[in-house]
Amino acid sequence: CVMKLKWILGPRPENMSQHWQAKVTELFKQETGETYTETTFRMLGIPEWYGNKLLVNTAIYPSPDSLFGVMWSKPLLDDRIRIVALVIDKQAQNNNYGTDIISEVINTSKKNGKNHIQLEVRKSNHRAQNFYSRHGLKIEKTIQNYYSNEDGFVMCGKL
């Protein structure tokens, strides 16, 4: 089966079926070590909007097994967006899916009057830090114990 991966608009995380939530949870655990629960899905507050995307294999979508990535972001204050999560399955990494989606969200945010972007990243995740740096974000501060087992960095950039 040939994989045809494409970013599509996603539902609010708390509105996903249990099967989809389980697949998202599995992806986050596998790629980031973070554990997502039903409460996490509700607490994130991700709206249905252009910054809520799922990377799916269109050949088998809408099966939850079609999931290969998640980009969750949300508006923050008046002129800012916050990337809450960006995770891509190892099998789909290094194919520009991350660059495609962050570029799309940055460009759409600019058109919608947003001027800044921010996110949090693990202090040990140099690969993600380098990726975000290539897209104009800089480490601005450290948040002690942001993750269950380590500190996080806040990275920010102008759009």
N, C-alpha and C. Protein backbone atom coordinates (compact mmCIF):
# COMPACT_ATOMS: atom_id res chain seq x y z
N CYS A 1 0.84 -1.18 0.00
CA CYS A 1 0.00 0.00 0.00
C CYS A 1 0.89 1.24 0.00
N VAL A 2 0.75 2.07 -0.98
CA VAL A 2 1.52 3.30 -1.08
C VAL A 2 0.96 4.33 -0.11
N MET A 3 1.87 4.99 0.61
CA MET A 3 1.42 6.01 1.54
C MET A 3 1.31 7.34 0.82
N LYS A 4 0.10 7.93 0.90
CA LYS A 4 -0.10 9.28 0.38
C LYS A 4 -0.47 10.14 1.58
N LEU A 5 0.55 10.81 2.13
CA LEU A 5 0.32 11.59 3.33
C LEU A 5 -0.06 13.02 2.99
N LYS A 6 -1.01 13.56 3.76
CA LYS A 6 -1.49 14.91 3.53
C LYS A 6 -1.97 15.50 4.85
N TRP A 7 -1.69 16.80 5.07
CA TRP A 7 -2.20 17.51 6.24
C TRP A 7 -3.67 17.89 5.98
N ILE A 8 -4.55 17.53 6.91
CA ILE A 8 -5.97 17.90 6.82
C ILE A 8 -6.38 18.63 8.11
N LEU A 9 -7.48 19.38 8.03
CA LEU A 9 -8.02 20.01 9.24
C LEU A 9 -8.47 18.94 10.21
N GLY A 10 -8.15 19.15 11.48
CA GLY A 10 -8.56 18.18 12.49
C GLY A 10 -9.71 18.69 13.33
N PRO A 11 -10.41 17.79 14.02
CA PRO A 11 -11.45 18.21 14.95
C PRO A 11 -10.81 18.71 16.24
N ARG A 12 -11.60 19.32 17.10
CA ARG A 12 -11.07 19.65 18.43
C ARG A 12 -10.62 18.33 19.06
N PRO A 13 -9.47 18.30 19.74
CA PRO A 13 -8.98 17.03 20.30
C PRO A 13 -10.01 16.32 21.18
N GLU A 14 -10.76 17.10 21.99
CA GLU A 14 -11.72 16.45 22.89
C GLU A 14 -12.92 15.88 22.13
N ASN A 15 -13.09 16.25 20.86
CA ASN A 15 -14.20 15.72 20.06
C ASN A 15 -13.79 14.49 19.24
N MET A 16 -12.52 14.11 19.31
CA MET A 16 -12.07 12.92 18.58
C MET A 16 -12.69 11.67 19.22
N SER A 17 -12.92 10.65 18.40
CA SER A 17 -13.42 9.38 18.94
C SER A 17 -12.34 8.78 19.85
N GLN A 18 -12.74 7.83 20.67
CA GLN A 18 -11.77 7.17 21.56
C GLN A 18 -10.66 6.50 20.77
N HIS A 19 -11.01 5.93 19.62
CA HIS A 19 -9.99 5.26 18.79
C HIS A 19 -8.96 6.27 18.29
N TRP A 20 -9.44 7.45 17.85
CA TRP A 20 -8.52 8.49 17.38
C TRP A 20 -7.67 9.02 18.53
N GLN A 21 -8.31 9.26 19.69
CA GLN A 21 -7.54 9.73 20.85
C GLN A 21 -6.46 8.71 21.24
N ALA A 22 -6.80 7.44 21.16
CA ALA A 22 -5.83 6.39 21.50
C ALA A 22 -4.65 6.42 20.52
N LYS A 23 -4.94 6.64 19.25
CA LYS A 23 -3.89 6.68 18.22
C LYS A 23 -2.99 7.91 18.43
N VAL A 24 -3.59 9.06 18.75
CA VAL A 24 -2.82 10.28 19.02
C VAL A 24 -1.94 10.05 20.26
N THR A 25 -2.52 9.46 21.31
CA THR A 25 -1.79 9.18 22.55
C THR A 25 -0.59 8.28 22.25
N GLU A 26 -0.80 7.25 21.45
CA GLU A 26 0.27 6.32 21.08
C GLU A 26 1.38 7.05 20.32
N LEU A 27 1.01 7.93 19.39
CA LEU A 27 1.99 8.69 18.60
C LEU A 27 2.84 9.59 19.51
N PHE A 28 2.19 10.31 20.43
CA PHE A 28 2.93 11.19 21.34
C PHE A 28 3.86 10.38 22.24
N LYS A 29 3.38 9.27 22.76
CA LYS A 29 4.19 8.43 23.66
C LYS A 29 5.41 7.91 22.90
N GLN A 30 5.19 7.41 21.69
CA GLN A 30 6.24 6.82 20.86
C GLN A 30 7.29 7.85 20.45
N GLU A 31 6.87 9.07 20.07
CA GLU A 31 7.80 10.05 19.51
C GLU A 31 8.35 11.06 20.52
N THR A 32 7.60 11.30 21.62
CA THR A 32 8.04 12.34 22.56
C THR A 32 8.19 11.83 23.99
N GLY A 33 7.62 10.68 24.28
CA GLY A 33 7.65 10.17 25.65
C GLY A 33 6.58 10.78 26.54
N GLU A 34 5.81 11.75 25.99
CA GLU A 34 4.75 12.39 26.77
C GLU A 34 3.51 11.51 26.79
N THR A 35 2.82 11.49 27.93
CA THR A 35 1.58 10.73 28.07
C THR A 35 0.39 11.67 28.01
N TYR A 36 -0.47 11.45 27.05
CA TYR A 36 -1.69 12.23 26.90
C TYR A 36 -2.85 11.41 27.43
N THR A 37 -3.75 12.07 28.17
CA THR A 37 -4.93 11.40 28.72
C THR A 37 -6.18 12.11 28.20
N GLU A 38 -7.33 11.58 28.54
CA GLU A 38 -8.59 12.21 28.14
C GLU A 38 -8.65 13.64 28.69
N THR A 39 -8.14 13.83 29.90
CA THR A 39 -8.10 15.17 30.52
C THR A 39 -7.20 16.10 29.72
N THR A 40 -6.05 15.59 29.25
CA THR A 40 -5.14 16.41 28.44
C THR A 40 -5.86 16.92 27.20
N PHE A 41 -6.59 16.05 26.53
CA PHE A 41 -7.30 16.44 25.30
C PHE A 41 -8.26 17.59 25.58
N ARG A 42 -8.96 17.54 26.74
CA ARG A 42 -9.89 18.60 27.10
C ARG A 42 -9.16 19.88 27.49
N MET A 43 -8.10 19.77 28.26
CA MET A 43 -7.39 20.93 28.80
C MET A 43 -6.63 21.73 27.75
N LEU A 44 -6.24 21.11 26.66
CA LEU A 44 -5.45 21.80 25.64
C LEU A 44 -6.17 23.00 25.04
N GLY A 45 -7.48 22.90 24.92
CA GLY A 45 -8.26 24.01 24.38
C GLY A 45 -7.95 24.35 22.93
N ILE A 46 -7.68 23.33 22.13
CA ILE A 46 -7.38 23.55 20.72
C ILE A 46 -8.69 23.79 19.96
N PRO A 47 -8.81 24.95 19.30
CA PRO A 47 -10.05 25.22 18.55
C PRO A 47 -10.05 24.51 17.19
N GLU A 48 -11.21 24.48 16.56
CA GLU A 48 -11.27 24.03 15.16
C GLU A 48 -10.89 25.25 14.34
N TRP A 49 -9.70 25.26 13.79
CA TRP A 49 -9.20 26.39 13.01
C TRP A 49 -8.02 25.93 12.18
N TYR A 50 -7.44 26.84 11.38
CA TYR A 50 -6.36 26.46 10.45
C TYR A 50 -5.10 25.92 11.13
N GLY A 51 -4.95 26.13 12.43
CA GLY A 51 -3.76 25.65 13.14
C GLY A 51 -3.95 24.31 13.82
N ASN A 52 -4.99 23.59 13.43
CA ASN A 52 -5.29 22.28 14.01
C ASN A 52 -5.31 21.29 12.85
N LYS A 53 -4.18 20.57 12.69
CA LYS A 53 -4.04 19.70 11.52
C LYS A 53 -3.59 18.30 11.90
N LEU A 54 -4.00 17.34 11.10
CA LEU A 54 -3.58 15.95 11.23
C LEU A 54 -2.90 15.53 9.93
N LEU A 55 -1.78 14.84 10.05
CA LEU A 55 -1.11 14.27 8.88
C LEU A 55 -1.63 12.84 8.74
N VAL A 56 -2.35 12.60 7.63
CA VAL A 56 -2.98 11.29 7.46
C VAL A 56 -2.58 10.65 6.13
N ASN A 57 -2.63 9.33 6.12
CA ASN A 57 -2.48 8.56 4.90
C ASN A 57 -3.85 8.54 4.24
N THR A 58 -4.00 9.31 3.15
CA THR A 58 -5.31 9.46 2.52
C THR A 58 -5.85 8.15 1.97
N ALA A 59 -4.98 7.17 1.74
CA ALA A 59 -5.43 5.88 1.20
C ALA A 59 -6.29 5.13 2.21
N ILE A 60 -6.07 5.35 3.51
CA ILE A 60 -6.85 4.61 4.51
C ILE A 60 -7.64 5.51 5.48
N TYR A 61 -7.56 6.83 5.27
CA TYR A 61 -8.35 7.75 6.09
C TYR A 61 -9.83 7.50 5.79
N PRO A 62 -10.76 7.53 6.74
CA PRO A 62 -10.68 8.06 8.10
C PRO A 62 -10.34 7.05 9.19
N SER A 63 -9.72 5.93 8.86
CA SER A 63 -9.30 5.00 9.91
C SER A 63 -8.26 5.68 10.81
N PRO A 64 -8.35 5.49 12.12
CA PRO A 64 -7.33 6.05 13.02
C PRO A 64 -5.91 5.59 12.66
N ASP A 65 -5.80 4.44 12.00
CA ASP A 65 -4.47 3.95 11.59
C ASP A 65 -3.85 4.82 10.50
N SER A 66 -4.63 5.76 9.96
CA SER A 66 -4.10 6.66 8.93
C SER A 66 -3.24 7.78 9.53
N LEU A 67 -3.23 7.92 10.86
CA LEU A 67 -2.54 9.04 11.52
C LEU A 67 -1.02 8.93 11.47
N PHE A 68 -0.36 9.99 10.97
CA PHE A 68 1.10 10.04 10.94
C PHE A 68 1.66 11.32 11.55
N GLY A 69 0.79 12.24 11.93
CA GLY A 69 1.30 13.47 12.53
C GLY A 69 0.19 14.33 13.10
N VAL A 70 0.58 15.22 14.01
CA VAL A 70 -0.36 16.14 14.65
C VAL A 70 0.31 17.50 14.75
N MET A 71 -0.41 18.55 14.36
CA MET A 71 0.01 19.94 14.58
C MET A 71 -1.13 20.62 15.30
N TRP A 72 -0.92 20.97 16.56
CA TRP A 72 -1.93 21.68 17.31
C TRP A 72 -1.38 23.03 17.71
N SER A 73 -2.10 24.08 17.37
CA SER A 73 -1.72 25.42 17.80
C SER A 73 -3.00 26.16 18.15
N LYS A 74 -2.84 27.29 18.81
CA LYS A 74 -4.03 28.07 19.14
C LYS A 74 -3.67 29.54 19.24
N PRO A 75 -4.68 30.41 19.03
CA PRO A 75 -4.44 31.84 19.18
C PRO A 75 -4.12 32.13 20.64
N LEU A 76 -3.22 33.08 20.86
CA LEU A 76 -2.83 33.46 22.21
C LEU A 76 -2.75 34.97 22.25
N LEU A 77 -3.42 35.59 23.19
CA LEU A 77 -3.49 37.04 23.26
C LEU A 77 -4.01 37.57 21.92
N ASP A 78 -3.71 38.81 21.60
CA ASP A 78 -4.26 39.39 20.36
C ASP A 78 -3.46 39.07 19.12
N ASP A 79 -2.13 39.02 19.26
CA ASP A 79 -1.31 38.99 18.05
C ASP A 79 -0.36 37.81 18.00
N ARG A 80 -0.69 36.74 18.69
CA ARG A 80 0.27 35.66 18.86
C ARG A 80 -0.42 34.31 18.67
N ILE A 81 0.33 33.33 18.19
CA ILE A 81 -0.16 31.95 18.23
C ILE A 81 0.84 31.12 19.02
N ARG A 82 0.34 30.05 19.59
CA ARG A 82 1.18 29.14 20.37
C ARG A 82 1.07 27.75 19.75
N ILE A 83 2.21 27.21 19.37
CA ILE A 83 2.21 25.81 18.93
C ILE A 83 2.19 24.96 20.20
N VAL A 84 1.14 24.18 20.34
CA VAL A 84 0.97 23.34 21.51
C VAL A 84 1.66 22.00 21.29
N ALA A 85 1.60 21.50 20.05
CA ALA A 85 2.21 20.20 19.76
C ALA A 85 2.48 20.08 18.26
N LEU A 86 3.62 19.54 17.94
CA LEU A 86 3.94 19.15 16.56
C LEU A 86 4.71 17.85 16.66
N VAL A 87 4.09 16.78 16.20
CA VAL A 87 4.72 15.46 16.28
C VAL A 87 4.45 14.72 14.97
N ILE A 88 5.50 14.08 14.47
CA ILE A 88 5.39 13.32 13.22
C ILE A 88 6.00 11.94 13.45
N ASP A 89 5.28 10.92 13.01
CA ASP A 89 5.75 9.54 13.12
C ASP A 89 7.12 9.39 12.46
N LYS A 90 8.00 8.61 13.10
CA LYS A 90 9.36 8.39 12.56
C LYS A 90 9.35 8.01 11.09
N GLN A 91 8.39 7.18 10.68
CA GLN A 91 8.31 6.72 9.29
C GLN A 91 8.11 7.87 8.31
N ALA A 92 7.54 8.98 8.79
CA ALA A 92 7.22 10.10 7.90
C ALA A 92 8.17 11.29 8.08
N GLN A 93 9.11 11.17 9.02
CA GLN A 93 10.03 12.28 9.27
C GLN A 93 11.01 12.45 8.11
N ASN A 94 11.59 13.64 8.03
CA ASN A 94 12.58 13.98 6.99
C ASN A 94 12.01 13.97 5.58
N ASN A 95 10.72 14.29 5.46
CA ASN A 95 10.07 14.41 4.16
C ASN A 95 9.41 15.77 3.99
N ASN A 96 9.85 16.75 4.80
CA ASN A 96 9.34 18.13 4.75
C ASN A 96 7.92 18.31 5.27
N TYR A 97 7.32 17.30 5.90
CA TYR A 97 5.97 17.48 6.43
C TYR A 97 5.96 18.52 7.55
N GLY A 98 6.99 18.53 8.39
CA GLY A 98 7.08 19.52 9.47
C GLY A 98 7.25 20.92 8.91
N THR A 99 8.15 21.07 7.95
CA THR A 99 8.37 22.38 7.32
C THR A 99 7.11 22.85 6.61
N ASP A 100 6.45 21.94 5.90
CA ASP A 100 5.22 22.30 5.19
C ASP A 100 4.17 22.87 6.15
N ILE A 101 3.95 22.18 7.27
CA ILE A 101 2.86 22.60 8.15
C ILE A 101 3.24 23.84 8.95
N ILE A 102 4.47 23.97 9.39
CA ILE A 102 4.82 25.17 10.17
C ILE A 102 4.80 26.39 9.24
N SER A 103 5.23 26.23 8.00
CA SER A 103 5.20 27.34 7.04
C SER A 103 3.76 27.75 6.76
N GLU A 104 2.88 26.77 6.57
CA GLU A 104 1.46 27.05 6.31
C GLU A 104 0.84 27.81 7.48
N VAL A 105 1.09 27.35 8.69
CA VAL A 105 0.51 27.99 9.88
C VAL A 105 1.07 29.40 10.06
N ILE A 106 2.38 29.58 9.84
CA ILE A 106 2.99 30.91 9.96
C ILE A 106 2.39 31.86 8.92
N ASN A 107 2.30 31.42 7.67
CA ASN A 107 1.76 32.28 6.60
C ASN A 107 0.29 32.63 6.83
N THR A 108 -0.51 31.64 7.23
CA THR A 108 -1.92 31.90 7.48
C THR A 108 -2.09 32.82 8.69
N SER A 109 -1.26 32.64 9.70
CA SER A 109 -1.33 33.48 10.90
C SER A 109 -1.01 34.93 10.56
N LYS A 110 0.02 35.13 9.72
CA LYS A 110 0.39 36.48 9.29
C LYS A 110 -0.79 37.15 8.59
N LYS A 111 -1.43 36.40 7.66
CA LYS A 111 -2.58 36.94 6.92
C LYS A 111 -3.75 37.28 7.84
N ASN A 112 -3.80 36.61 8.99
CA ASN A 112 -4.89 36.84 9.95
C ASN A 112 -4.49 37.80 11.07
N GLY A 113 -3.45 38.59 10.83
CA GLY A 113 -3.10 39.66 11.77
C GLY A 113 -2.26 39.26 12.97
N LYS A 114 -1.74 38.03 12.96
CA LYS A 114 -0.88 37.61 14.06
C LYS A 114 0.55 38.05 13.75
N ASN A 115 1.32 38.39 14.79
CA ASN A 115 2.68 38.87 14.59
C ASN A 115 3.76 38.02 15.26
N HIS A 116 3.36 37.16 16.21
CA HIS A 116 4.34 36.39 16.96
C HIS A 116 3.91 34.93 17.07
N ILE A 117 4.90 34.08 17.29
CA ILE A 117 4.66 32.66 17.49
C ILE A 117 5.50 32.22 18.68
N GLN A 118 4.96 31.31 19.47
CA GLN A 118 5.74 30.79 20.59
C GLN A 118 5.39 29.33 20.80
N LEU A 119 6.27 28.63 21.50
CA LEU A 119 6.07 27.23 21.84
C LEU A 119 7.01 26.86 22.97
N GLU A 120 6.79 25.67 23.51
CA GLU A 120 7.68 25.13 24.52
C GLU A 120 8.29 23.85 23.96
N VAL A 121 9.55 23.62 24.32
CA VAL A 121 10.26 22.44 23.82
C VAL A 121 11.16 21.90 24.93
N ARG A 122 11.33 20.60 24.94
CA ARG A 122 12.22 19.98 25.94
C ARG A 122 13.64 20.51 25.79
N LYS A 123 14.28 20.73 26.92
CA LYS A 123 15.66 21.21 26.93
C LYS A 123 16.59 20.22 26.19
N SER A 124 16.25 18.94 26.26
CA SER A 124 17.10 17.91 25.65
C SER A 124 16.78 17.67 24.16
N ASN A 125 15.71 18.27 23.64
CA ASN A 125 15.30 18.00 22.27
C ASN A 125 15.97 18.96 21.29
N HIS A 126 17.25 18.72 21.06
CA HIS A 126 18.04 19.59 20.19
C HIS A 126 17.56 19.56 18.74
N ARG A 127 17.07 18.41 18.31
CA ARG A 127 16.58 18.29 16.94
C ARG A 127 15.40 19.25 16.71
N ALA A 128 14.45 19.27 17.65
CA ALA A 128 13.30 20.17 17.53
C ALA A 128 13.75 21.63 17.64
N GLN A 129 14.67 21.91 18.56
CA GLN A 129 15.16 23.28 18.71
C GLN A 129 15.80 23.77 17.41
N ASN A 130 16.59 22.91 16.78
CA ASN A 130 17.23 23.28 15.51
C ASN A 130 16.19 23.51 14.42
N PHE A 131 15.18 22.65 14.38
CA PHE A 131 14.09 22.78 13.41
C PHE A 131 13.39 24.13 13.59
N TYR A 132 13.00 24.46 14.82
CA TYR A 132 12.30 25.72 15.07
C TYR A 132 13.20 26.93 14.82
N SER A 133 14.49 26.80 15.11
CA SER A 133 15.44 27.89 14.84
C SER A 133 15.49 28.19 13.35
N ARG A 134 15.46 27.14 12.52
CA ARG A 134 15.47 27.33 11.06
C ARG A 134 14.22 28.09 10.59
N HIS A 135 13.18 28.07 11.40
CA HIS A 135 11.93 28.77 11.07
C HIS A 135 11.80 30.09 11.84
N GLY A 136 12.92 30.60 12.34
CA GLY A 136 12.95 31.95 12.91
C GLY A 136 12.66 32.07 14.40
N LEU A 137 12.54 30.96 15.10
CA LEU A 137 12.28 31.04 16.54
C LEU A 137 13.60 30.98 17.32
N LYS A 138 13.61 31.67 18.46
CA LYS A 138 14.79 31.69 19.32
C LYS A 138 14.39 31.31 20.74
N ILE A 139 15.34 30.69 21.45
CA ILE A 139 15.09 30.35 22.86
C ILE A 139 15.07 31.65 23.64
N GLU A 140 13.99 31.88 24.38
CA GLU A 140 13.86 33.12 25.16
C GLU A 140 14.01 32.90 26.65
N LYS A 141 13.55 31.74 27.14
CA LYS A 141 13.73 31.48 28.57
C LYS A 141 13.57 30.00 28.87
N THR A 142 14.00 29.63 30.07
CA THR A 142 13.87 28.26 30.56
C THR A 142 12.72 28.21 31.55
N ILE A 143 11.93 27.15 31.48
CA ILE A 143 10.87 26.93 32.46
C ILE A 143 11.27 25.68 33.25
N GLN A 144 11.55 25.89 34.53
CA GLN A 144 11.94 24.77 35.40
C GLN A 144 10.82 23.74 35.47
N ASN A 145 11.18 22.46 35.33
CA ASN A 145 10.24 21.34 35.49
C ASN A 145 8.98 21.46 34.64
N TYR A 146 9.10 22.03 33.44
CA TYR A 146 7.94 22.18 32.57
C TYR A 146 7.38 20.81 32.17
N TYR A 147 8.29 19.89 31.89
CA TYR A 147 7.88 18.52 31.55
C TYR A 147 7.98 17.67 32.82
N SER A 148 7.37 16.50 32.76
CA SER A 148 7.34 15.65 33.96
C SER A 148 8.74 15.32 34.47
N ASN A 149 9.72 15.26 33.56
CA ASN A 149 11.05 14.84 34.00
C ASN A 149 12.18 15.78 33.57
N GLU A 150 11.87 16.96 33.08
CA GLU A 150 12.94 17.90 32.72
C GLU A 150 12.42 19.30 32.46
N ASP A 151 13.37 20.23 32.34
CA ASP A 151 13.03 21.62 32.06
C ASP A 151 12.65 21.79 30.59
N GLY A 152 11.99 22.89 30.32
CA GLY A 152 11.63 23.23 28.94
C GLY A 152 12.15 24.61 28.59
N PHE A 153 12.26 24.87 27.31
CA PHE A 153 12.60 26.19 26.80
C PHE A 153 11.35 26.80 26.18
N VAL A 154 11.19 28.11 26.33
CA VAL A 154 10.18 28.83 25.56
C VAL A 154 10.92 29.37 24.34
N MET A 155 10.41 29.07 23.16
CA MET A 155 10.98 29.60 21.92
C MET A 155 9.95 30.53 21.30
N CYS A 156 10.43 31.70 20.82
CA CYS A 156 9.53 32.70 20.25
C CYS A 156 10.10 33.22 18.95
N GLY A 157 9.21 33.75 18.13
CA GLY A 157 9.66 34.38 16.89
C GLY A 157 8.62 35.35 16.36
N LYS A 158 9.07 36.24 15.49
CA LYS A 158 8.16 37.16 14.80
C LYS A 158 7.70 36.48 13.51
N LEU A 159 6.46 36.74 13.15
CA LEU A 159 5.94 36.14 11.91
C LEU A 159 6.24 37.06 10.73
